[in-house]
């Protein structure tokens, strides 16, 4: 059963230049569509977050935050229990941020500041030191590399059925040439559609899909070997290579860092 929640903002939210929220959401929890006059940077501490912002679907793994501009309607759903850190920024301070929702590839400095604030349960900066710390945080977020979606999608009649089939079965090792035959086109044409419509190659898209599933499986307590087999890899080493390419760390280090 899905638990549906209504977003409740602090009473003085509109008078604050910025404020933090720290939340733990149960598995299968949905925040119903809402919007507010401030921007949000949402960090998910574990598991994968799925959001709809102004009708656009965004998926993000842990430590790749989502930016939601002011007055953009959004909703989110988490399949598994997830921990959130949310930075809320008054509209006046959102200059320099993207005009549309996206993912932000932030520096380790950003993660360090967010974790420091969370460790102290700081909701609103009060001291001069904390105000300066938050100024650094916002400056770092403004210059962060922007990515429209970690796992882009399309409704293209040729490519969409391929992506939908893979989402249902990430372990499917069907090659691009074989998929092209199934949807009555050529491998070259399908490859070009991937690059044009998704902004990444077919192999990169499939790797990202498997990474998202790997994160979820690891957080369920599965071994690296079992995760590899579940995702269609012939060995744990192949999974480890993919995981490092996507996250910069190994599955075991990720598990330890996340406290799994």
C-alpha atoms as a PDB file:
ATOM      1  CA  UNK A   1       0.000   0.000   0.000  1.00  0.00           C
ATOM      2  CA  UNK A   2       1.326   3.446  -0.930  1.00  0.00           C
ATOM      3  CA  UNK A   3       1.456   6.025   1.843  1.00  0.00           C
ATOM      4  CA  UNK A   4       0.475   9.455   0.491  1.00  0.00           C
ATOM      5  CA  UNK A   5       1.745  12.538   2.293  1.00  0.00           C
ATOM      6  CA  UNK A   6       0.963  16.231   1.947  1.00  0.00           C
ATOM      7  CA  UNK A   7       3.934  18.587   2.131  1.00  0.00           C
ATOM      8  CA  UNK A   8       3.835  20.738   5.252  1.00  0.00           C
ATOM      9  CA  UNK A   9       6.103  23.796   5.258  1.00  0.00           C
ATOM     10  CA  UNK A  10       7.279  25.531   8.442  1.00  0.00           C
ATOM     11  CA  UNK A  11       4.972  28.368   9.456  1.00  0.00           C
ATOM     12  CA  UNK A  12       7.673  31.021   8.951  1.00  0.00           C
ATOM     13  CA  UNK A  13       9.086  29.486   5.742  1.00  0.00           C
ATOM     14  CA  UNK A  14       8.299  32.459   3.511  1.00  0.00           C
ATOM     15  CA  UNK A  15      10.168  34.840   5.833  1.00  0.00           C
ATOM     16  CA  UNK A  16      13.354  32.767   5.980  1.00  0.00           C
ATOM     17  CA  UNK A  17      16.242  33.375   3.535  1.00  0.00           C
ATOM     18  CA  UNK A  18      16.991  29.649   3.743  1.00  0.00           C
ATOM     19  CA  UNK A  19      16.179  26.662   5.914  1.00  0.00           C
ATOM     20  CA  UNK A  20      16.995  22.959   6.078  1.00  0.00           C
ATOM     21  CA  UNK A  21      14.755  19.947   6.533  1.00  0.00           C
ATOM     22  CA  UNK A  22      15.845  16.407   7.414  1.00  0.00           C
ATOM     23  CA  UNK A  23      13.339  13.626   6.845  1.00  0.00           C
ATOM     24  CA  UNK A  24      13.142   9.850   6.850  1.00  0.00           C
ATOM     25  CA  UNK A  25      10.457   8.502   4.506  1.00  0.00           C
ATOM     26  CA  UNK A  26       9.123   4.966   4.703  1.00  0.00           C
ATOM     27  CA  UNK A  27       9.169   2.647   1.712  1.00  0.00           C
ATOM     28  CA  UNK A  28       6.408   3.205  -0.876  1.00  0.00           C
ATOM     29  CA  UNK A  29       5.837   6.811   0.205  1.00  0.00           C
ATOM     30  CA  UNK A  30       4.494   9.464  -2.149  1.00  0.00           C
ATOM     31  CA  UNK A  31       4.535  13.216  -1.574  1.00  0.00           C
ATOM     32  CA  UNK A  32       1.518  14.578  -3.412  1.00  0.00           C
ATOM     33  CA  UNK A  33       1.954  17.362  -6.021  1.00  0.00           C
ATOM     34  CA  UNK A  34       2.707  20.747  -4.479  1.00  0.00           C
ATOM     35  CA  UNK A  35       4.662  23.928  -5.086  1.00  0.00           C
ATOM     36  CA  UNK A  36       6.067  26.789  -3.039  1.00  0.00           C
ATOM     37  CA  UNK A  37       7.702  30.180  -3.620  1.00  0.00           C
ATOM     38  CA  UNK A  38      11.201  29.031  -2.687  1.00  0.00           C
ATOM     39  CA  UNK A  39      13.665  26.764  -4.483  1.00  0.00           C
ATOM     40  CA  UNK A  40      14.801  23.393  -3.175  1.00  0.00           C
ATOM     41  CA  UNK A  41      17.919  21.287  -3.456  1.00  0.00           C
ATOM     42  CA  UNK A  42      16.967  17.757  -2.408  1.00  0.00           C
ATOM     43  CA  UNK A  43      19.652  15.274  -1.379  1.00  0.00           C
ATOM     44  CA  UNK A  44      18.665  11.631  -0.993  1.00  0.00           C
ATOM     45  CA  UNK A  45      20.942   9.844   1.439  1.00  0.00           C
ATOM     46  CA  UNK A  46      20.141   6.288   0.372  1.00  0.00           C
ATOM     47  CA  UNK A  47      18.131   4.477  -2.278  1.00  0.00           C
ATOM     48  CA  UNK A  48      16.816   6.051  -5.475  1.00  0.00           C
ATOM     49  CA  UNK A  49      14.469   9.039  -5.625  1.00  0.00           C
ATOM     50  CA  UNK A  50      11.868   9.438  -8.360  1.00  0.00           C
ATOM     51  CA  UNK A  51      10.369  12.885  -8.921  1.00  0.00           C
ATOM     52  CA  UNK A  52       7.903  14.512 -11.262  1.00  0.00           C
ATOM     53  CA  UNK A  53       8.560  18.225 -11.754  1.00  0.00           C
ATOM     54  CA  UNK A  54       6.184  20.136 -14.021  1.00  0.00           C
ATOM     55  CA  UNK A  55       5.293  16.803 -15.648  1.00  0.00           C
ATOM     56  CA  UNK A  56       8.913  15.767 -16.234  1.00  0.00           C
ATOM     57  CA  UNK A  57      10.273  12.580 -14.659  1.00  0.00           C
ATOM     58  CA  UNK A  58      13.633  12.702 -12.901  1.00  0.00           C
ATOM     59  CA  UNK A  59      15.442   9.786 -11.287  1.00  0.00           C
ATOM     60  CA  UNK A  60      18.478  10.240  -9.094  1.00  0.00           C
ATOM     61  CA  UNK A  61      20.795   7.935  -7.146  1.00  0.00           C
ATOM     62  CA  UNK A  62      22.162   8.922  -3.725  1.00  0.00           C
ATOM     63  CA  UNK A  63      24.423  11.981  -3.538  1.00  0.00           C
ATOM     64  CA  UNK A  64      23.253  13.479  -6.847  1.00  0.00           C
ATOM     65  CA  UNK A  65      20.766  16.136  -5.661  1.00  0.00           C
ATOM     66  CA  UNK A  66      17.742  17.415  -7.537  1.00  0.00           C
ATOM     67  CA  UNK A  67      17.185  21.161  -8.012  1.00  0.00           C
ATOM     68  CA  UNK A  68      13.550  22.318  -8.038  1.00  0.00           C
ATOM     69  CA  UNK A  69      13.056  26.019  -8.947  1.00  0.00           C
ATOM     70  CA  UNK A  70      10.548  28.215  -7.083  1.00  0.00           C
ATOM     71  CA  UNK A  71       6.867  27.825  -8.004  1.00  0.00           C
ATOM     72  CA  UNK A  72       7.436  24.555  -9.930  1.00  0.00           C
ATOM     73  CA  UNK A  73       4.857  21.898  -9.116  1.00  0.00           C
ATOM     74  CA  UNK A  74       6.518  18.669  -8.058  1.00  0.00           C
ATOM     75  CA  UNK A  75       5.823  15.317  -6.431  1.00  0.00           C
ATOM     76  CA  UNK A  76       8.107  12.487  -5.411  1.00  0.00           C
ATOM     77  CA  UNK A  77       7.939   8.763  -4.784  1.00  0.00           C
ATOM     78  CA  UNK A  78      10.413   6.449  -3.092  1.00  0.00           C
ATOM     79  CA  UNK A  79      10.173   2.695  -3.567  1.00  0.00           C
ATOM     80  CA  UNK A  80      12.383   2.006  -0.526  1.00  0.00           C
ATOM     81  CA  UNK A  81      12.909   3.794   2.777  1.00  0.00           C
ATOM     82  CA  UNK A  82      14.949   6.925   2.125  1.00  0.00           C
ATOM     83  CA  UNK A  83      16.611   9.683   4.101  1.00  0.00           C
ATOM     84  CA  UNK A  84      16.444  13.243   2.752  1.00  0.00           C
ATOM     85  CA  UNK A  85      18.340  16.452   3.379  1.00  0.00           C
ATOM     86  CA  UNK A  86      16.582  19.427   1.794  1.00  0.00           C
ATOM     87  CA  UNK A  87      17.975  22.936   1.430  1.00  0.00           C
ATOM     88  CA  UNK A  88      15.240  25.511   0.848  1.00  0.00           C
ATOM     89  CA  UNK A  89      16.329  28.834  -0.687  1.00  0.00           C
ATOM     90  CA  UNK A  90      14.287  32.032  -0.931  1.00  0.00           C
ATOM     91  CA  UNK A  91      13.461  33.053  -4.507  1.00  0.00           C
ATOM     92  CA  UNK A  92      15.611  36.186  -4.237  1.00  0.00           C
ATOM     93  CA  UNK A  93      18.694  34.012  -3.678  1.00  0.00           C
ATOM     94  CA  UNK A  94      17.921  31.664  -6.587  1.00  0.00           C
ATOM     95  CA  UNK A  95      19.545  33.889  -9.213  1.00  0.00           C
ATOM     96  CA  UNK A  96      22.163  31.892 -11.051  1.00  0.00           C
ATOM     97  CA  UNK A  97      20.353  28.616 -10.503  1.00  0.00           C
ATOM     98  CA  UNK A  98      18.776  26.768 -13.469  1.00  0.00           C
ATOM     99  CA  UNK A  99      15.332  27.834 -14.674  1.00  0.00           C
ATOM    100  CA  UNK A 100      14.129  24.223 -14.854  1.00  0.00           C
ATOM    101  CA  UNK A 101      14.477  21.209 -12.616  1.00  0.00           C
ATOM    102  CA  UNK A 102      17.666  19.185 -13.047  1.00  0.00           C
ATOM    103  CA  UNK A 103      20.293  17.146 -11.237  1.00  0.00           C
ATOM    104  CA  UNK A 104      23.406  18.817  -9.828  1.00  0.00           C
ATOM    105  CA  UNK A 105      26.836  17.168  -9.858  1.00  0.00           C
ATOM    106  CA  UNK A 106      28.087  18.810  -6.711  1.00  0.00           C
ATOM    107  CA  UNK A 107      31.563  18.914  -5.188  1.00  0.00           C
ATOM    108  CA  UNK A 108      32.641  17.040  -2.037  1.00  0.00           C
ATOM    109  CA  UNK A 109      32.559  20.436  -0.296  1.00  0.00           C
ATOM    110  CA  UNK A 110      28.768  20.551  -0.763  1.00  0.00           C
ATOM    111  CA  UNK A 111      28.277  17.080   0.685  1.00  0.00           C
ATOM    112  CA  UNK A 112      30.550  17.917   3.625  1.00  0.00           C
ATOM    113  CA  UNK A 113      28.588  21.086   4.468  1.00  0.00           C
ATOM    114  CA  UNK A 114      25.228  19.324   4.163  1.00  0.00           C
ATOM    115  CA  UNK A 115      26.375  16.505   6.459  1.00  0.00           C
ATOM    116  CA  UNK A 116      27.814  19.006   8.952  1.00  0.00           C
ATOM    117  CA  UNK A 117      24.507  20.863   9.098  1.00  0.00           C
ATOM    118  CA  UNK A 118      22.561  17.602   9.432  1.00  0.00           C
ATOM    119  CA  UNK A 119      24.858  16.325  12.182  1.00  0.00           C
ATOM    120  CA  UNK A 120      24.060  19.465  14.188  1.00  0.00           C
ATOM    121  CA  UNK A 121      20.395  19.359  13.191  1.00  0.00           C
ATOM    122  CA  UNK A 122      20.726  22.942  12.003  1.00  0.00           C
ATOM    123  CA  UNK A 123      17.388  24.113  10.612  1.00  0.00           C
ATOM    124  CA  UNK A 124      18.148  27.836  10.199  1.00  0.00           C
ATOM    125  CA  UNK A 125      21.663  29.348  10.341  1.00  0.00           C
ATOM    126  CA  UNK A 126      21.936  31.710  13.299  1.00  0.00           C
ATOM    127  CA  UNK A 127      25.590  32.521  13.902  1.00  0.00           C
ATOM    128  CA  UNK A 128      27.859  34.511  11.601  1.00  0.00           C
ATOM    129  CA  UNK A 129      29.945  31.386  11.048  1.00  0.00           C
ATOM    130  CA  UNK A 130      26.918  29.345   9.964  1.00  0.00           C
ATOM    131  CA  UNK A 131      25.695  32.127   7.686  1.00  0.00           C
ATOM    132  CA  UNK A 132      29.085  32.228   5.955  1.00  0.00           C
ATOM    133  CA  UNK A 133      29.053  28.434   5.680  1.00  0.00           C
ATOM    134  CA  UNK A 134      25.655  28.564   3.960  1.00  0.00           C
ATOM    135  CA  UNK A 135      26.868  31.296   1.604  1.00  0.00           C
ATOM    136  CA  UNK A 136      29.673  28.968   0.512  1.00  0.00           C
ATOM    137  CA  UNK A 137      27.134  26.172   0.093  1.00  0.00           C
ATOM    138  CA  UNK A 138      24.896  28.266  -2.170  1.00  0.00           C
ATOM    139  CA  UNK A 139      27.874  29.527  -4.195  1.00  0.00           C
ATOM    140  CA  UNK A 140      29.006  25.925  -4.742  1.00  0.00           C
ATOM    141  CA  UNK A 141      25.511  24.881  -5.829  1.00  0.00           C
ATOM    142  CA  UNK A 142      25.279  27.743  -8.334  1.00  0.00           C
ATOM    143  CA  UNK A 143      28.412  26.582 -10.174  1.00  0.00           C
ATOM    144  CA  UNK A 144      27.639  22.848  -9.998  1.00  0.00           C
ATOM    145  CA  UNK A 145      27.518  20.943 -13.278  1.00  0.00           C
ATOM    146  CA  UNK A 146      23.932  20.456 -14.415  1.00  0.00           C
ATOM    147  CA  UNK A 147      22.470  17.239 -15.745  1.00  0.00           C
ATOM    148  CA  UNK A 148      18.911  17.090 -17.001  1.00  0.00           C
ATOM    149  CA  UNK A 149      18.226  13.551 -15.864  1.00  0.00           C
ATOM    150  CA  UNK A 150      20.331  10.672 -14.623  1.00  0.00           C
ATOM    151  CA  UNK A 151      18.224   8.211 -16.599  1.00  0.00           C
ATOM    152  CA  UNK A 152      16.589  10.172 -19.458  1.00  0.00           C
ATOM    153  CA  UNK A 153      13.455   8.869 -21.150  1.00  0.00           C
ATOM    154  CA  UNK A 154      11.591   9.432 -24.396  1.00  0.00           C
ATOM    155  CA  UNK A 155       8.225   8.675 -25.941  1.00  0.00           C
ATOM    156  CA  UNK A 156       9.798   8.033 -29.353  1.00  0.00           C
ATOM    157  CA  UNK A 157       7.848   5.183 -30.962  1.00  0.00           C
ATOM    158  CA  UNK A 158      11.004   3.316 -31.946  1.00  0.00           C
ATOM    159  CA  UNK A 159      13.211   3.819 -28.896  1.00  0.00           C
ATOM    160  CA  UNK A 160      10.645   3.924 -26.071  1.00  0.00           C
ATOM    161  CA  UNK A 161       9.670   0.205 -26.308  1.00  0.00           C
ATOM    162  CA  UNK A 162      13.346  -0.763 -26.009  1.00  0.00           C
ATOM    163  CA  UNK A 163      13.883   1.354 -22.897  1.00  0.00           C
ATOM    164  CA  UNK A 164      10.641   0.167 -21.304  1.00  0.00           C
ATOM    165  CA  UNK A 165      11.600  -3.467 -21.847  1.00  0.00           C
ATOM    166  CA  UNK A 166      14.990  -2.895 -20.233  1.00  0.00           C
ATOM    167  CA  UNK A 167      13.469  -1.083 -17.252  1.00  0.00           C
ATOM    168  CA  UNK A 168      11.313  -4.151 -16.666  1.00  0.00           C
ATOM    169  CA  UNK A 169      14.306  -6.486 -17.024  1.00  0.00           C
ATOM    170  CA  UNK A 170      17.688  -4.756 -16.425  1.00  0.00           C
ATOM    171  CA  UNK A 171      19.488  -8.102 -16.730  1.00  0.00           C
ATOM    172  CA  UNK A 172      18.549  -8.367 -20.418  1.00  0.00           C
ATOM    173  CA  UNK A 173      21.808  -8.517 -22.406  1.00  0.00           C
ATOM    174  CA  UNK A 174      20.204  -8.134 -25.840  1.00  0.00           C
ATOM    175  CA  UNK A 175      22.588  -6.144 -28.036  1.00  0.00           C
ATOM    176  CA  UNK A 176      21.724  -2.886 -29.762  1.00  0.00           C
ATOM    177  CA  UNK A 177      21.845  -4.679 -33.120  1.00  0.00           C
ATOM    178  CA  UNK A 178      19.346  -7.276 -31.885  1.00  0.00           C
ATOM    179  CA  UNK A 179      17.046  -4.562 -30.508  1.00  0.00           C
ATOM    180  CA  UNK A 180      17.223  -2.762 -33.861  1.00  0.00           C
ATOM    181  CA  UNK A 181      15.988  -5.900 -35.614  1.00  0.00           C
ATOM    182  CA  UNK A 182      13.095  -6.231 -33.166  1.00  0.00           C
ATOM    183  CA  UNK A 183      11.889  -2.657 -33.775  1.00  0.00           C
ATOM    184  CA  UNK A 184      12.486  -2.875 -37.538  1.00  0.00           C
ATOM    185  CA  UNK A 185      15.340  -0.412 -37.912  1.00  0.00           C
ATOM    186  CA  UNK A 186      19.130  -0.494 -38.190  1.00  0.00           C
ATOM    187  CA  UNK A 187      21.673  -0.491 -35.397  1.00  0.00           C
ATOM    188  CA  UNK A 188      23.111   2.782 -36.688  1.00  0.00           C
ATOM    189  CA  UNK A 189      19.702   4.484 -36.713  1.00  0.00           C
ATOM    190  CA  UNK A 190      18.854   3.265 -33.215  1.00  0.00           C
ATOM    191  CA  UNK A 191      22.253   4.413 -31.945  1.00  0.00           C
ATOM    192  CA  UNK A 192      21.684   7.862 -33.412  1.00  0.00           C
ATOM    193  CA  UNK A 193      18.241   8.073 -31.822  1.00  0.00           C
ATOM    194  CA  UNK A 194      19.747   7.285 -28.413  1.00  0.00           C
ATOM    195  CA  UNK A 195      22.310  10.045 -28.742  1.00  0.00           C
ATOM    196  CA  UNK A 196      19.842  12.581 -30.142  1.00  0.00           C
ATOM    197  CA  UNK A 197      16.892  11.879 -27.822  1.00  0.00           C
ATOM    198  CA  UNK A 198      18.643  10.800 -24.617  1.00  0.00           C
ATOM    199  CA  UNK A 199      21.916  12.705 -24.905  1.00  0.00           C
ATOM    200  CA  UNK A 200      23.892   9.553 -24.095  1.00  0.00           C
ATOM    201  CA  UNK A 201      24.734   6.280 -25.811  1.00  0.00           C
ATOM    202  CA  UNK A 202      22.677   3.101 -25.491  1.00  0.00           C
ATOM    203  CA  UNK A 203      25.434   1.388 -23.483  1.00  0.00           C
ATOM    204  CA  UNK A 204      25.689   4.345 -21.078  1.00  0.00           C
ATOM    205  CA  UNK A 205      21.900   4.379 -20.606  1.00  0.00           C
ATOM    206  CA  UNK A 206      21.837   0.668 -19.807  1.00  0.00           C
ATOM    207  CA  UNK A 207      24.767   1.080 -17.427  1.00  0.00           C
ATOM    208  CA  UNK A 208      22.961   3.839 -15.550  1.00  0.00           C
ATOM    209  CA  UNK A 209      19.824   1.718 -15.340  1.00  0.00           C
ATOM    210  CA  UNK A 210      21.809  -1.150 -13.858  1.00  0.00           C
ATOM    211  CA  UNK A 211      23.554   1.167 -11.426  1.00  0.00           C
ATOM    212  CA  UNK A 212      20.203   2.375 -10.058  1.00  0.00           C
ATOM    213  CA  UNK A 213      19.077  -1.216  -9.586  1.00  0.00           C
ATOM    214  CA  UNK A 214      22.435  -2.167  -8.052  1.00  0.00           C
ATOM    215  CA  UNK A 215      22.027   0.546  -5.419  1.00  0.00           C
ATOM    216  CA  UNK A 216      18.568  -0.751  -4.547  1.00  0.00           C
ATOM    217  CA  UNK A 217      19.713  -4.386  -4.362  1.00  0.00           C
ATOM    218  CA  UNK A 218      22.750  -3.557  -2.230  1.00  0.00           C
ATOM    219  CA  UNK A 219      20.525  -1.675   0.191  1.00  0.00           C
ATOM    220  CA  UNK A 220      18.354  -4.769   0.503  1.00  0.00           C
ATOM    221  CA  UNK A 221      21.441  -6.569   1.796  1.00  0.00           C
ATOM    222  CA  UNK A 222      22.265  -8.641  -1.285  1.00  0.00           C
ATOM    223  CA  UNK A 223      25.874  -9.677  -1.848  1.00  0.00           C
ATOM    224  CA  UNK A 224      27.899  -8.127  -4.667  1.00  0.00           C
ATOM    225  CA  UNK A 225      27.985 -11.507  -6.422  1.00  0.00           C
ATOM    226  CA  UNK A 226      24.199 -11.887  -6.252  1.00  0.00           C
ATOM    227  CA  UNK A 227      23.655  -8.327  -7.459  1.00  0.00           C
ATOM    228  CA  UNK A 228      25.951  -8.994 -10.413  1.00  0.00           C
ATOM    229  CA  UNK A 229      24.030 -12.103 -11.400  1.00  0.00           C
ATOM    230  CA  UNK A 230      20.652 -10.394 -10.925  1.00  0.00           C
ATOM    231  CA  UNK A 231      21.733  -7.633 -13.325  1.00  0.00           C
ATOM    232  CA  UNK A 232      23.037  -9.886 -16.068  1.00  0.00           C
ATOM    233  CA  UNK A 233      26.773  -9.655 -15.386  1.00  0.00           C
ATOM    234  CA  UNK A 234      28.909 -12.749 -15.748  1.00  0.00           C
ATOM    235  CA  UNK A 235      31.043 -11.873 -12.714  1.00  0.00           C
ATOM    236  CA  UNK A 236      31.182  -9.624  -9.676  1.00  0.00           C
ATOM    237  CA  UNK A 237      34.250  -7.872 -11.123  1.00  0.00           C
ATOM    238  CA  UNK A 238      32.223  -6.640 -14.114  1.00  0.00           C
ATOM    239  CA  UNK A 239      29.642  -5.133 -11.741  1.00  0.00           C
ATOM    240  CA  UNK A 240      32.384  -3.496  -9.678  1.00  0.00           C
ATOM    241  CA  UNK A 241      33.875  -1.829 -12.769  1.00  0.00           C
ATOM    242  CA  UNK A 242      30.461  -0.430 -13.748  1.00  0.00           C
ATOM    243  CA  UNK A 243      29.722   0.719 -10.187  1.00  0.00           C
ATOM    244  CA  UNK A 244      33.045   2.549  -9.943  1.00  0.00           C
ATOM    245  CA  UNK A 245      32.471   4.266 -13.269  1.00  0.00           C
ATOM    246  CA  UNK A 246      29.080   5.547 -12.130  1.00  0.00           C
ATOM    247  CA  UNK A 247      29.790   6.405  -8.501  1.00  0.00           C
ATOM    248  CA  UNK A 248      33.555   6.653  -8.057  1.00  0.00           C
ATOM    249  CA  UNK A 249      33.520   3.939  -5.419  1.00  0.00           C
ATOM    250  CA  UNK A 250      33.085   0.180  -5.131  1.00  0.00           C
ATOM    251  CA  UNK A 251      29.846  -1.544  -4.081  1.00  0.00           C
ATOM    252  CA  UNK A 252      31.352  -2.584  -0.748  1.00  0.00           C
ATOM    253  CA  UNK A 253      32.634   0.913   0.015  1.00  0.00           C
ATOM    254  CA  UNK A 254      29.243   2.320  -0.934  1.00  0.00           C
ATOM    255  CA  UNK A 255      27.573  -0.190   1.394  1.00  0.00           C
ATOM    256  CA  UNK A 256      29.913   0.776   4.250  1.00  0.00           C
ATOM    257  CA  UNK A 257      29.520   4.523   3.632  1.00  0.00           C
ATOM    258  CA  UNK A 258      25.722   4.189   3.602  1.00  0.00           C
ATOM    259  CA  UNK A 259      25.722   2.145   6.782  1.00  0.00           C
ATOM    260  CA  UNK A 260      24.082  -0.852   5.113  1.00  0.00           C
END
